[in-house]
Amino acid sequence: MNSKKSLSILLLIIATTGISFGGLIIRTVNTADAWQVAFYRGLGFVISFILILIYRYKSNFIKSIKNTGYYGFIGGIFLMIANVFFIHSL
């Protein structure tokens, strides 16, 4: 197995493990309402996504965001809606 495939499998396992604990972690937050949790979760996603794009594309990261186009924008809207529904379902 090549190193890129091994890294991909490792990252997939880490991501699914992290996401599976999302409900448990959100349930333990007693002081924040659902909208606060959705906001900070979305903010964390945006910051980490931007950092990954900067690392990968260096100075062309804004161009890479623009290149996602219409489908990237619609995908982002659906991801936002899914995040809000997930938080409110808990």
Protein backbone atom coordinates (compact mmCIF):
# COMPACT_ATOMS: atom_id res chain seq x y z
CA MET A 1 0.00 0.00 0.00
CA ASN A 2 1.41 3.41 -0.89
CA SER A 3 1.84 6.16 1.68
CA LYS A 4 -0.94 8.42 0.32
CA LYS A 5 -3.48 5.64 0.57
CA SER A 6 -2.32 4.77 4.11
CA LEU A 7 -2.54 8.43 5.13
CA SER A 8 -6.02 8.68 3.60
CA ILE A 9 -7.24 5.65 5.53
CA LEU A 10 -5.74 6.97 8.77
CA LEU A 11 -7.36 10.39 8.30
CA LEU A 12 -10.68 8.74 7.49
CA ILE A 13 -10.56 6.69 10.70
CA ILE A 14 -9.63 9.75 12.78
CA ALA A 15 -12.39 11.87 11.20
CA THR A 16 -15.13 9.28 11.67
CA THR A 17 -14.07 8.67 15.26
CA GLY A 18 -14.11 12.40 15.96
CA ILE A 19 -17.50 12.90 14.35
CA SER A 20 -19.01 9.95 16.20
CA PHE A 21 -18.29 11.69 19.51
CA GLY A 22 -19.93 14.92 18.30
CA GLY A 23 -23.32 14.19 19.83
CA LEU A 24 -21.82 13.20 23.16
CA ILE A 25 -19.70 16.32 23.34
CA ILE A 26 -22.59 18.60 22.40
CA ARG A 27 -24.86 16.98 25.00
CA THR A 28 -22.34 17.81 27.74
CA VAL A 29 -22.47 21.54 26.93
CA ASN A 30 -25.10 22.83 29.35
CA THR A 31 -24.49 26.56 29.23
CA ALA A 32 -24.87 27.18 25.49
CA ASP A 33 -28.05 26.97 23.47
CA ALA A 34 -28.25 25.20 20.12
CA TRP A 35 -27.55 28.32 18.05
CA GLN A 36 -24.37 29.10 19.99
CA VAL A 37 -23.12 25.56 19.50
CA ALA A 38 -23.95 25.68 15.78
CA PHE A 39 -22.16 29.03 15.44
CA TYR A 40 -18.96 27.93 17.16
CA ARG A 41 -18.96 24.60 15.40
CA GLY A 42 -19.32 26.35 12.04
CA LEU A 43 -16.64 28.86 12.98
CA GLY A 44 -14.25 26.06 13.86
CA PHE A 45 -15.00 24.36 10.55
CA VAL A 46 -14.37 27.54 8.56
CA ILE A 47 -11.10 28.30 10.36
CA SER A 48 -9.76 24.78 9.95
CA PHE A 49 -10.87 24.66 6.30
CA ILE A 50 -9.11 27.96 5.55
CA LEU A 51 -5.94 26.74 7.27
CA ILE A 52 -5.99 23.56 5.19
CA LEU A 53 -6.48 25.57 1.99
CA ILE A 54 -3.65 27.94 2.90
CA TYR A 55 -1.37 24.98 3.60
CA ARG A 56 -2.27 23.24 0.38
CA TYR A 57 -2.57 26.14 -2.09
CA LYS A 58 -0.33 28.76 -0.42
CA SER A 59 -1.01 32.12 -2.09
CA ASN A 60 -3.68 30.73 -4.45
CA PHE A 61 -6.12 29.70 -1.72
CA ILE A 62 -8.61 32.48 -2.56
CA LYS A 63 -8.58 31.35 -6.19
CA SER A 64 -9.22 27.77 -5.04
CA ILE A 65 -12.28 28.96 -3.10
CA LYS A 66 -13.58 30.82 -6.17
CA ASN A 67 -13.00 27.74 -8.33
CA THR A 68 -15.55 25.72 -6.34
CA GLY A 69 -18.22 27.67 -8.20
CA TYR A 70 -21.95 27.17 -7.96
CA TYR A 71 -21.84 23.57 -6.78
CA GLY A 72 -19.39 24.40 -4.01
CA PHE A 73 -21.65 27.22 -2.84
CA ILE A 74 -24.75 24.99 -2.85
CA GLY A 75 -22.79 22.26 -1.05
CA GLY A 76 -21.77 24.77 1.62
CA ILE A 77 -25.39 25.84 2.11
CA PHE A 78 -26.49 22.22 2.52
CA LEU A 79 -23.64 21.57 4.95
CA MET A 80 -24.72 24.59 6.99
CA ILE A 81 -28.34 23.41 7.08
CA ALA A 82 -27.27 19.88 8.05
CA ASN A 83 -25.12 21.29 10.87
CA VAL A 84 -28.02 23.33 12.28
CA PHE A 85 -30.43 20.38 12.05
CA PHE A 86 -27.89 18.07 13.70
CA ILE A 87 -27.42 20.44 16.64
CA HIS A 88 -31.16 21.00 17.08
CA SER A 89 -31.89 17.27 16.91
CA LEU A 90 -29.83 16.71 20.05
